[in-house]
Amino acid sequence: MSLATVLLHPQSIAAVALCLTALACIRHYLTTHAYVPLPPGPPQGILGNTLPPAFAYRKFEEWTQQYGPVFALRQGFSTTVVIGRMQAAVDIMERDGAWLVDRPRNIAAGETLSGGMRMLLTPAGDRFKKMRRAIHTHLQPKAITSYTPTLMKNARQHIIDIVADPARHQDHAKRYSAAVVMALAYGKNPKSYADPEVVAVNRCLTRLGDTLRPGVWKVEAYPFLRYIPGYLSELHAGHAEELNLFKSQLSELKRKAERGEELPPSFGKYLLERQAELELSESEMAYLAGSMFGAGSDTTASAISICVMAAALHPLAQAAVQRELDAVVGRERAPTPADEGALPQTMAFVLESFRWRPVSAGGFAHRATRDLVWGGMRIPKGADVIANPWAIGRDPEYFPDPEKFDPQRWIAADGTLRDDLRLFSFGNGRRVCPGQHMATASVFLNTALMLWAFMITEDKEHPIDDLAFTPSANTHPLPFSVQFAPRAAPTMGSVRELLEEYAL
């Protein structure tokens, strides 16, 4: 058979075409990717980079200063790209946000502890879209006004609790946030932070925060560990506990409805009434409502306590807010959510506290679903991508003297809030925290009320360590002591009297 005959054979033509296609693909890949390097990063050991067992976000800031606004880490078979500066975060997380909607596979916290149903960790796909659509209906900015009576009623009780027992101010912040979010999630009103249901939800949340700490569960870097008998048994037991807890809350609402009882408005009621429309299973609904309560309660309580800490440590910043409160509100009545637009100094104080000591200080990883290029560096498809709020909030280009607590950085020359500064404390893009508006409204109202009612000072016998926080994914200040002196009225009792008609 001649060479020409062989070359003209259909199978030969197909083989040549296949080879040419493969060569073209290889050439395209080499042209577009091979000479685009990964971001720089710290030296790796045999098994990759070693992360500190706690407060990795602080180490990330050190590495940002050393290696630049975007750096890469290796752990096992995984690449993690960390973003530590504002412009890079805006460019990558927002410009290329469509390719960063996904979450990385999380075997410990996501699949095992949460059964794949915790919205925070749910991968992109139909389940995530359904859950996101359901929860955003109740937490959009326009919906916040309908929650105002609940916020005010519980903020009033928060101030009364401080009057009665100022030493337990952190517990009072936890009671406030638990009561608000329990009301929104289930229409309930727990009287105490020691309420058994609140204790149970927060126990689950503590377990989640510990599980999410970088490097705690090696199964994320070495997935084969999940097959070792007993390795994940602690997390399987935790999943069973929280699923039963979350289901019991919705079941209670369902039984009340079946008995013909009138249910107060709540997210749980909304889910039950529209289950078919929302196309959510009972377990998905339970996790959606339960996660709303858990995450909202945990983060809001911490943010309020951080504002107390900031006020005690930075008296000049506190005084600026109090001058504004005196000028706009006076001392005859207490501030309300309706005053927010006239209180830019107060909101600036809140925003600076979010930047200074962010609650979700390390951020949560996204997953790149295609190769991305930024600044001549490649973020490979499949990489974990973390926009680190701690480091981004310390970008000296946007926040000069970043370690200084300075609310004035949020105030424009005309005295209004600046609209050219932003934070990544609540995440970004389609993964932004759906409760960000509710959380900000809560922290603003409680900060305004506390600084209107009290002068907050540091307890000189027990100095505050402003870096003493829990090592969990959502951080809390460790117990700290401050002193509350009456300010809106001569005595603590008379402060309480000023609030008798508030929110009633």
Protein backbone atom coordinates (compact mmCIF):
# COMPACT_ATOMS: atom_id res chain seq x y z
CA MET A 1 0.00 0.00 0.00
CA SER A 2 1.44 3.35 -0.99
CA LEU A 3 2.11 6.17 1.48
CA ALA A 4 -0.51 8.32 -0.29
CA THR A 5 -3.11 5.61 0.17
CA VAL A 6 -2.30 5.32 3.87
CA LEU A 7 -2.51 9.06 4.39
CA LEU A 8 -5.85 9.25 2.61
CA HIS A 9 -7.38 6.48 4.71
CA PRO A 10 -10.27 7.92 6.87
CA GLN A 11 -8.76 6.62 10.09
CA SER A 12 -5.42 8.22 9.27
CA ILE A 13 -7.08 11.53 8.44
CA ALA A 14 -8.97 11.42 11.77
CA ALA A 15 -5.77 10.61 13.68
CA VAL A 16 -3.88 13.48 12.03
CA ALA A 17 -6.76 15.88 12.75
CA LEU A 18 -6.81 14.75 16.37
CA CYS A 19 -3.08 15.26 16.73
CA LEU A 20 -3.25 18.72 15.15
CA THR A 21 -6.11 19.70 17.47
CA ALA A 22 -4.20 18.45 20.50
CA LEU A 23 -1.08 20.35 19.41
CA ALA A 24 -3.14 23.52 18.92
CA CYS A 25 -4.63 23.16 22.41
CA ILE A 26 -1.21 22.57 23.94
CA ARG A 27 0.23 25.56 22.08
CA HIS A 28 -2.69 27.74 23.25
CA TYR A 29 -2.21 26.63 26.85
CA LEU A 30 1.52 27.20 26.76
CA THR A 31 1.07 30.59 25.11
CA THR A 32 -1.54 31.83 27.55
CA HIS A 33 -0.53 30.12 30.80
CA ALA A 34 2.91 28.59 30.91
CA TYR A 35 4.64 31.94 31.10
CA VAL A 36 2.15 33.46 33.51
CA PRO A 37 3.59 32.54 36.90
CA LEU A 38 1.73 31.81 40.10
CA PRO A 39 1.84 34.58 42.72
CA PRO A 40 4.92 34.50 44.94
CA GLY A 41 4.66 33.15 48.45
CA PRO A 42 6.55 31.87 51.48
CA PRO A 43 8.92 28.90 51.09
CA GLN A 44 7.28 25.47 51.17
CA GLY A 45 8.21 22.37 53.10
CA ILE A 46 7.84 18.83 51.81
CA LEU A 47 4.08 18.90 52.44
CA GLY A 48 3.62 22.54 51.47
CA ASN A 49 3.26 25.63 53.63
CA THR A 50 2.65 25.40 57.36
CA LEU A 51 -0.07 27.70 58.69
CA PRO A 52 -0.17 28.88 62.28
CA PRO A 53 -2.73 26.94 64.36
CA ALA A 54 -4.53 30.18 65.30
CA PHE A 55 -4.88 33.72 63.96
CA ALA A 56 -3.66 32.81 60.48
CA TYR A 57 -5.18 36.08 59.20
CA ARG A 58 -2.52 38.04 61.11
CA LYS A 59 0.24 35.98 59.52
CA PHE A 60 -1.40 36.65 56.15
CA GLU A 61 -0.91 40.37 56.72
CA GLU A 62 2.79 39.78 57.40
CA TRP A 63 3.07 37.78 54.19
CA THR A 64 1.16 40.46 52.29
CA GLN A 65 3.74 43.01 53.39
CA GLN A 66 6.53 40.62 52.39
CA TYR A 67 5.26 39.09 49.14
CA GLY A 68 2.78 41.64 47.82
CA PRO A 69 -0.98 42.15 47.50
CA VAL A 70 -1.56 38.62 46.16
CA PHE A 71 0.42 35.60 47.32
CA ALA A 72 0.09 31.82 47.00
CA LEU A 73 0.33 28.95 49.48
CA ARG A 74 0.45 25.21 48.96
CA GLN A 75 -1.03 22.64 51.33
CA GLY A 76 -1.02 19.04 50.22
CA PHE A 77 -2.46 18.99 46.70
CA SER A 78 -4.20 22.37 47.02
CA THR A 79 -3.23 25.90 46.03
CA THR A 80 -4.55 28.82 48.07
CA VAL A 81 -4.30 32.39 46.79
CA VAL A 82 -4.64 35.12 49.43
CA ILE A 83 -5.59 38.69 48.56
CA GLY A 84 -4.47 41.28 51.08
CA ARG A 85 -4.91 44.67 49.46
CA MET A 86 -7.94 46.68 48.37
CA GLN A 87 -7.38 47.19 44.64
CA ALA A 88 -6.49 43.56 44.09
CA ALA A 89 -9.58 42.49 46.02
CA VAL A 90 -11.86 44.75 43.97
CA ASP A 91 -10.28 43.65 40.68
CA ILE A 92 -10.31 39.93 41.39
CA MET A 93 -13.29 39.35 43.66
CA GLU A 94 -15.63 41.71 41.81
CA ARG A 95 -14.35 42.02 38.25
CA ASP A 96 -13.88 38.27 38.03
CA GLY A 97 -16.59 37.53 40.57
CA ALA A 98 -18.59 35.34 38.18
CA TRP A 99 -15.71 32.83 38.29
CA LEU A 100 -15.44 32.94 42.08
CA VAL A 101 -19.01 32.18 43.17
CA ASP A 102 -18.11 28.62 44.08
CA ARG A 103 -16.79 27.41 47.41
CA PRO A 104 -13.94 24.93 47.68
CA ARG A 105 -14.84 21.46 48.77
CA ASN A 106 -14.92 21.47 52.56
CA ILE A 107 -15.09 17.92 53.85
CA ALA A 108 -14.95 18.67 57.58
CA ALA A 109 -17.21 21.69 58.12
CA GLY A 110 -19.21 21.66 54.88
CA GLU A 111 -19.94 18.07 53.96
CA THR A 112 -19.64 16.30 57.32
CA LEU A 113 -20.66 18.79 60.00
CA SER A 114 -23.23 20.64 57.85
CA GLY A 115 -24.38 17.83 55.58
CA GLY A 116 -23.77 20.12 52.58
CA MET A 117 -26.68 22.35 53.66
CA ARG A 118 -25.05 25.31 55.40
CA MET A 119 -25.41 28.20 52.97
CA LEU A 120 -22.06 29.71 53.96
CA LEU A 121 -20.24 26.63 52.68
CA THR A 122 -22.64 25.31 50.02
CA PRO A 123 -20.95 25.01 46.61
CA ALA A 124 -22.35 26.97 43.68
CA GLY A 125 -25.26 25.23 42.03
CA ASP A 126 -29.01 24.75 42.28
CA ARG A 127 -29.08 24.28 46.06
CA PHE A 128 -27.10 27.47 46.65
CA LYS A 129 -29.30 29.46 44.26
CA LYS A 130 -32.50 28.27 45.95
CA MET A 131 -31.22 29.02 49.46
CA ARG A 132 -29.82 32.40 48.48
CA ARG A 133 -33.08 33.42 46.80
CA ALA A 134 -35.09 32.44 49.88
CA ILE A 135 -32.96 34.24 52.45
CA HIS A 136 -32.40 37.44 50.45
CA THR A 137 -36.16 37.98 50.35
CA HIS A 138 -36.14 38.60 54.10
CA LEU A 139 -32.86 40.45 54.49
CA GLN A 140 -32.82 43.03 51.70
CA PRO A 141 -32.27 46.67 52.75
CA LYS A 142 -35.93 47.57 52.15
CA ALA A 143 -37.01 44.81 54.53
CA ILE A 144 -34.95 46.16 57.43
CA THR A 145 -37.54 48.82 58.29
CA SER A 146 -40.10 46.13 59.08
CA TYR A 147 -37.72 44.79 61.73
CA THR A 148 -37.22 48.18 63.40
CA PRO A 149 -39.60 47.54 66.34
CA THR A 150 -37.77 44.28 67.13
CA LEU A 151 -34.38 46.00 67.00
CA MET A 152 -35.50 48.90 69.19
CA LYS A 153 -37.27 46.74 71.77
CA ASN A 154 -34.23 44.54 72.26
CA ALA A 155 -31.74 47.43 72.14
CA ARG A 156 -33.72 49.10 74.93
CA GLN A 157 -33.43 45.91 76.97
CA HIS A 158 -29.71 45.80 76.20
CA ILE A 159 -29.20 49.21 77.82
CA ILE A 160 -31.36 48.24 80.80
CA ASP A 161 -29.29 45.08 81.23
CA ILE A 162 -26.09 47.15 81.31
CA VAL A 163 -27.63 49.48 83.90
CA ALA A 164 -28.45 46.48 86.07
CA ASP A 165 -25.17 44.60 85.69
CA PRO A 166 -22.47 46.45 83.72
CA ALA A 167 -19.79 43.83 84.43
CA ARG A 168 -21.61 41.35 82.17
CA HIS A 169 -21.77 43.67 79.16
CA GLN A 170 -20.55 40.99 76.76
CA ASP A 171 -23.27 38.59 77.89
CA HIS A 172 -25.83 41.35 77.40
CA ALA A 173 -24.64 41.89 73.82
CA LYS A 174 -25.05 38.16 73.22
CA ARG A 175 -28.56 38.22 74.68
CA TYR A 176 -29.51 41.15 72.46
CA SER A 177 -28.28 39.54 69.26
CA ALA A 178 -29.71 36.12 70.13
CA ALA A 179 -33.11 37.63 70.89
CA VAL A 180 -33.24 39.66 67.67
CA VAL A 181 -32.21 36.86 65.36
CA MET A 182 -34.36 34.27 67.18
CA ALA A 183 -37.32 36.58 66.63
CA LEU A 184 -36.50 36.97 62.95
CA ALA A 185 -35.82 33.28 62.40
CA TYR A 186 -38.59 31.71 64.49
CA GLY A 187 -40.77 34.47 65.95
CA LYS A 188 -39.45 33.70 69.45
CA ASN A 189 -38.21 36.02 72.17
CA PRO A 190 -35.68 34.37 74.50
CA LYS A 191 -35.44 36.18 77.81
CA SER A 192 -31.87 35.25 78.57
CA TYR A 193 -28.66 34.29 76.87
CA ALA A 194 -28.89 31.19 79.08
CA ASP A 195 -32.09 30.10 77.32
CA PRO A 196 -31.54 26.37 76.53
CA GLU A 197 -32.26 26.83 72.82
CA VAL A 198 -29.86 29.74 72.55
CA VAL A 199 -27.20 27.76 74.42
CA ALA A 200 -27.70 24.80 72.06
CA VAL A 201 -27.42 26.90 68.90
CA ASN A 202 -24.31 28.66 70.16
CA ARG A 203 -22.74 25.34 71.08
CA CYS A 204 -23.22 24.25 67.47
CA LEU A 205 -21.80 27.55 66.27
CA THR A 206 -18.70 27.25 68.46
CA ARG A 207 -18.09 23.81 66.96
CA LEU A 208 -18.42 25.25 63.45
CA GLY A 209 -16.00 28.10 64.18
CA ASP A 210 -13.39 25.72 65.55
CA THR A 211 -13.82 23.34 62.61
CA LEU A 212 -13.31 26.15 60.09
CA ARG A 213 -9.93 27.21 61.48
CA PRO A 214 -7.29 26.79 58.73
CA GLY A 215 -5.31 23.59 59.05
CA VAL A 216 -7.26 22.11 61.98
CA TRP A 217 -8.67 19.25 59.89
CA LYS A 218 -5.98 17.78 57.63
CA VAL A 219 -8.67 16.05 55.58
CA GLU A 220 -8.99 19.24 53.52
CA ALA A 221 -5.44 18.84 52.24
CA TYR A 222 -5.51 15.02 52.22
CA PRO A 223 -9.07 13.88 51.36
CA PHE A 224 -8.23 10.17 51.78
CA LEU A 225 -8.26 10.74 55.57
CA ARG A 226 -12.07 10.77 55.48
CA TYR A 227 -11.96 7.00 54.97
CA ILE A 228 -10.06 6.33 58.19
CA PRO A 229 -12.62 4.81 60.62
CA GLY A 230 -13.54 7.20 63.41
CA TYR A 231 -11.56 10.17 62.07
CA LEU A 232 -14.67 12.29 61.44
CA SER A 233 -16.92 10.74 64.10
CA GLU A 234 -16.93 13.92 66.21
CA LEU A 235 -18.26 15.89 63.25
CA HIS A 236 -20.85 13.27 62.31
CA ALA A 237 -22.21 13.49 65.85
CA GLY A 238 -22.21 17.29 65.63
CA HIS A 239 -24.20 17.18 62.40
CA ALA A 240 -26.84 14.92 63.96
CA GLU A 241 -27.16 17.31 66.92
CA GLU A 242 -27.59 20.48 64.92
CA LEU A 243 -29.89 18.95 62.30
CA ASN A 244 -32.20 17.69 65.06
CA LEU A 245 -32.06 21.10 66.76
CA PHE A 246 -32.85 23.05 63.59
CA LYS A 247 -35.61 20.66 62.56
CA SER A 248 -37.21 20.86 66.00
CA GLN A 249 -37.54 24.64 65.69
CA LEU A 250 -39.41 24.43 62.38
CA SER A 251 -41.48 21.47 63.59
CA GLU A 252 -42.64 23.55 66.54
CA LEU A 253 -43.81 26.30 64.18
CA LYS A 254 -45.54 23.75 61.97
CA ARG A 255 -47.42 22.20 64.91
CA LYS A 256 -48.60 25.61 66.07
CA ALA A 257 -49.89 26.40 62.59
CA GLU A 258 -51.71 23.07 62.43
CA ARG A 259 -53.39 23.88 65.75
CA GLY A 260 -54.63 27.12 64.26
CA GLU A 261 -52.40 29.36 66.39
CA GLU A 262 -51.45 32.73 64.92
CA LEU A 263 -47.74 32.77 64.16
CA PRO A 264 -45.80 36.03 64.34
CA PRO A 265 -43.91 36.93 61.15
CA SER A 266 -40.62 35.04 60.88
CA PHE A 267 -38.30 33.51 58.34
CA GLY A 268 -39.30 30.04 59.51
CA LYS A 269 -42.98 30.79 58.89
CA TYR A 270 -42.14 32.13 55.43
CA LEU A 271 -40.23 28.94 54.57
CA LEU A 272 -43.02 26.65 55.75
CA GLU A 273 -45.68 28.56 53.83
CA ARG A 274 -43.67 28.56 50.59
CA GLN A 275 -41.82 25.26 50.75
CA ALA A 276 -43.20 24.01 47.43
CA GLU A 277 -42.49 27.30 45.68
CA LEU A 278 -38.96 27.50 47.08
CA GLU A 279 -38.28 23.83 46.25
CA LEU A 280 -36.43 23.22 49.52
CA SER A 281 -36.41 19.97 51.47
CA GLU A 282 -37.26 19.96 55.18
CA SER A 283 -33.59 19.55 56.07
CA GLU A 284 -32.57 22.41 53.76
CA MET A 285 -35.21 24.70 55.28
CA ALA A 286 -34.11 23.72 58.77
CA TYR A 287 -30.47 24.49 58.03
CA LEU A 288 -31.31 27.75 56.28
CA ALA A 289 -33.29 29.11 59.25
CA GLY A 290 -30.87 27.64 61.78
CA SER A 291 -27.83 29.06 60.03
CA MET A 292 -29.51 32.46 59.86
CA PHE A 293 -29.95 32.41 63.62
CA GLY A 294 -26.53 31.02 64.41
CA ALA A 295 -24.43 33.22 62.14
CA GLY A 296 -26.42 36.39 62.83
CA SER A 297 -26.36 35.98 66.58
CA ASP A 298 -22.66 35.14 66.73
CA THR A 299 -21.32 37.94 64.57
CA THR A 300 -23.57 40.76 65.79
CA ALA A 301 -22.76 40.10 69.45
CA SER A 302 -19.05 40.20 68.71
CA ALA A 303 -19.32 43.42 66.68
CA ILE A 304 -21.20 45.20 69.48
CA SER A 305 -18.55 44.19 72.03
CA ILE A 306 -15.80 45.41 69.70
CA CYS A 307 -17.50 48.83 69.64
CA VAL A 308 -17.49 48.86 73.46
CA MET A 309 -13.79 48.00 73.44
CA ALA A 310 -13.05 50.73 70.88
CA ALA A 311 -14.94 53.36 72.88
CA ALA A 312 -13.05 52.52 76.07
CA LEU A 313 -9.65 52.55 74.39
CA HIS A 314 -10.23 55.63 72.20
CA PRO A 315 -11.92 58.35 74.27
CA LEU A 316 -11.45 61.07 71.63
CA ALA A 317 -13.34 59.00 69.06
CA GLN A 318 -16.04 58.32 71.63
CA ALA A 319 -16.28 62.05 72.43
CA ALA A 320 -16.78 62.92 68.73
CA VAL A 321 -19.78 60.60 68.56
CA GLN A 322 -21.21 61.99 71.78
CA ARG A 323 -20.93 65.58 70.57
CA GLU A 324 -22.88 64.61 67.48
CA LEU A 325 -25.51 62.77 69.54
CA ASP A 326 -25.95 65.81 71.80
CA ALA A 327 -26.32 68.12 68.79
CA VAL A 328 -28.71 65.95 66.79
CA VAL A 329 -30.63 63.96 69.43
CA GLY A 330 -30.05 65.74 72.72
CA ARG A 331 -30.53 64.04 76.06
CA GLU A 332 -34.29 64.31 76.35
CA ARG A 333 -34.82 61.27 74.15
CA ALA A 334 -32.78 58.30 72.96
CA PRO A 335 -31.53 57.86 69.37
CA THR A 336 -33.52 55.64 67.01
CA PRO A 337 -32.85 54.05 63.61
CA ALA A 338 -34.58 57.06 62.03
CA ASP A 339 -31.67 59.25 63.18
CA GLU A 340 -29.06 57.29 61.23
CA GLY A 341 -28.87 59.68 58.27
CA ALA A 342 -28.14 62.60 60.60
CA LEU A 343 -25.42 60.75 62.55
CA PRO A 344 -22.44 60.26 60.19
CA GLN A 345 -19.91 60.34 63.05
CA THR A 346 -21.71 57.48 64.76
CA MET A 347 -21.80 55.38 61.60
CA ALA A 348 -18.14 56.23 60.93
CA PHE A 349 -17.32 54.87 64.41
CA VAL A 350 -19.13 51.64 63.54
CA LEU A 351 -17.43 51.29 60.15
CA GLU A 352 -14.02 51.89 61.68
CA SER A 353 -14.70 49.19 64.27
CA PHE A 354 -15.53 46.80 61.43
CA ARG A 355 -12.18 47.63 59.81
CA TRP A 356 -10.11 47.76 62.99
CA ARG A 357 -11.16 44.40 64.44
CA PRO A 358 -13.24 42.57 61.81
CA VAL A 359 -15.37 39.74 63.16
CA SER A 360 -14.73 37.45 60.16
CA ALA A 361 -11.10 38.48 60.19
CA GLY A 362 -9.78 35.74 57.94
CA GLY A 363 -12.55 35.68 55.36
CA PHE A 364 -13.96 32.55 53.76
CA ALA A 365 -12.46 30.86 50.73
CA HIS A 366 -13.94 31.00 47.23
CA ARG A 367 -13.02 28.56 44.47
CA ALA A 368 -11.81 29.69 41.05
CA THR A 369 -13.73 27.92 38.29
CA ARG A 370 -11.31 29.00 35.57
CA ASP A 371 -7.77 30.36 35.33
CA LEU A 372 -7.63 34.07 36.19
CA VAL A 373 -4.81 36.52 35.55
CA TRP A 374 -4.07 39.59 37.66
CA GLY A 375 -0.98 41.77 37.66
CA GLY A 376 0.95 39.32 35.48
CA MET A 377 0.20 36.45 37.87
CA ARG A 378 -2.05 33.44 37.41
CA ILE A 379 -4.72 32.21 39.80
CA PRO A 380 -5.19 28.63 38.61
CA LYS A 381 -8.55 27.01 38.08
CA GLY A 382 -9.52 25.05 41.20
CA ALA A 383 -7.50 27.25 43.57
CA ASP A 384 -8.95 28.47 46.86
CA VAL A 385 -9.12 32.27 46.80
CA ILE A 386 -9.34 34.22 50.07
CA ALA A 387 -9.92 37.97 50.30
CA ASN A 388 -8.50 38.53 53.78
CA PRO A 389 -10.47 41.32 55.56
CA TRP A 390 -7.80 41.81 58.24
CA ALA A 391 -5.11 42.59 55.66
CA ILE A 392 -7.37 44.49 53.23
CA GLY A 393 -8.44 46.78 56.07
CA ARG A 394 -4.75 47.51 56.69
CA ASP A 395 -3.98 48.61 53.15
CA PRO A 396 -1.95 51.79 53.80
CA GLU A 397 -2.92 53.23 50.41
CA TYR A 398 -6.58 53.35 51.46
CA PHE A 399 -6.20 53.42 55.26
CA PRO A 400 -3.12 55.47 56.21
CA ASP A 401 -1.69 54.59 59.63
CA PRO A 402 -3.86 51.44 59.57
CA GLU A 403 -3.27 50.36 63.17
CA LYS A 404 -4.77 53.63 64.41
CA PHE A 405 -8.47 53.61 65.30
CA ASP A 406 -9.62 56.68 63.39
CA PRO A 407 -13.32 57.05 62.45
CA GLN A 408 -12.52 60.35 60.73
CA ARG A 409 -11.07 58.41 57.80
CA TRP A 410 -14.71 57.63 56.88
CA ILE A 411 -15.80 61.30 56.94
CA ALA A 412 -15.64 63.45 53.77
CA ALA A 413 -14.65 67.12 53.71
CA ASP A 414 -18.31 68.18 53.84
CA GLY A 415 -18.94 66.14 57.00
CA THR A 416 -20.87 63.32 55.31
CA LEU A 417 -19.85 59.69 55.07
CA ARG A 418 -17.40 58.93 52.27
CA ASP A 419 -18.70 56.74 49.48
CA ASP A 420 -15.30 55.84 48.03
CA LEU A 421 -14.16 53.60 50.89
CA ARG A 422 -15.40 50.10 51.42
CA LEU A 423 -14.88 46.98 53.49
CA PHE A 424 -14.69 43.28 52.75
CA SER A 425 -15.80 42.32 56.26
CA PHE A 426 -19.09 40.87 54.97
CA GLY A 427 -17.61 39.09 51.98
CA ASN A 428 -18.28 40.10 48.38
CA GLY A 429 -20.15 39.41 45.18
CA ARG A 430 -22.81 36.72 45.20
CA ARG A 431 -21.26 35.37 48.38
CA VAL A 432 -21.69 38.57 50.35
CA CYS A 433 -23.31 37.97 53.74
CA PRO A 434 -27.09 38.30 53.25
CA GLY A 435 -27.42 39.64 56.79
CA GLN A 436 -24.98 42.54 56.35
CA HIS A 437 -27.68 45.25 56.40
CA MET A 438 -29.36 43.80 59.48
CA ALA A 439 -26.03 43.44 61.28
CA THR A 440 -24.97 47.00 60.47
CA ALA A 441 -28.34 48.38 61.60
CA SER A 442 -28.07 46.45 64.87
CA VAL A 443 -24.51 47.56 65.63
CA PHE A 444 -25.31 51.17 64.72
CA LEU A 445 -28.38 51.34 66.96
CA ASN A 446 -26.70 49.73 69.97
CA THR A 447 -23.58 51.84 69.61
CA ALA A 448 -25.64 55.02 69.38
CA LEU A 449 -27.66 54.05 72.45
CA MET A 450 -24.64 53.04 74.53
CA LEU A 451 -22.64 56.18 73.75
CA TRP A 452 -25.75 58.34 74.32
CA ALA A 453 -26.50 56.68 77.67
CA PHE A 454 -23.01 56.08 79.08
CA MET A 455 -19.46 57.28 79.25
CA ILE A 456 -17.40 54.13 78.66
CA THR A 457 -13.89 54.02 80.09
CA GLU A 458 -11.17 51.44 80.49
CA ASP A 459 -10.83 49.77 83.88
CA LYS A 460 -7.29 50.80 84.79
CA GLU A 461 -6.94 47.87 87.17
CA HIS A 462 -7.71 45.47 84.33
CA PRO A 463 -6.14 46.87 81.11
CA ILE A 464 -7.67 45.73 77.84
CA ASP A 465 -5.63 43.61 75.45
CA ASP A 466 -7.13 44.65 72.13
CA LEU A 467 -5.67 41.59 70.39
CA ALA A 468 -7.13 39.07 72.85
CA PHE A 469 -9.69 37.31 70.68
CA THR A 470 -10.93 33.78 70.23
CA PRO A 471 -9.12 31.82 67.48
CA SER A 472 -12.39 30.75 65.81
CA ALA A 473 -13.44 31.61 62.24
CA ASN A 474 -15.76 34.34 63.56
CA THR A 475 -13.77 35.96 66.34
CA HIS A 476 -14.99 37.24 69.71
CA PRO A 477 -13.14 39.48 72.15
CA LEU A 478 -12.06 37.50 75.16
CA PRO A 479 -13.65 38.80 78.41
CA PHE A 480 -12.59 42.38 79.11
CA SER A 481 -13.54 44.91 81.75
CA VAL A 482 -14.82 48.46 81.19
CA GLN A 483 -16.63 51.01 83.32
CA PHE A 484 -20.01 52.49 82.41
CA ALA A 485 -20.86 55.88 83.94
CA PRO A 486 -24.28 57.52 83.45
CA ARG A 487 -24.17 60.25 80.83
CA ALA A 488 -27.67 60.95 79.50
CA ALA A 489 -28.89 61.48 83.07
CA PRO A 490 -27.27 61.95 86.50
CA THR A 491 -27.69 58.35 87.71
CA MET A 492 -28.04 54.87 86.26
CA GLY A 493 -31.60 54.77 87.56
CA SER A 494 -32.50 57.96 85.78
CA VAL A 495 -30.94 56.64 82.55
CA ARG A 496 -33.31 53.74 82.80
CA GLU A 497 -36.23 56.12 83.36
CA LEU A 498 -35.37 57.92 80.11
CA LEU A 499 -35.94 54.63 78.29
CA GLU A 500 -39.32 53.81 79.82
CA GLU A 501 -41.25 54.84 76.73
CA TYR A 502 -38.61 53.80 74.20
CA ALA A 503 -39.92 51.34 71.57
CA LEU A 504 -43.20 50.85 73.47
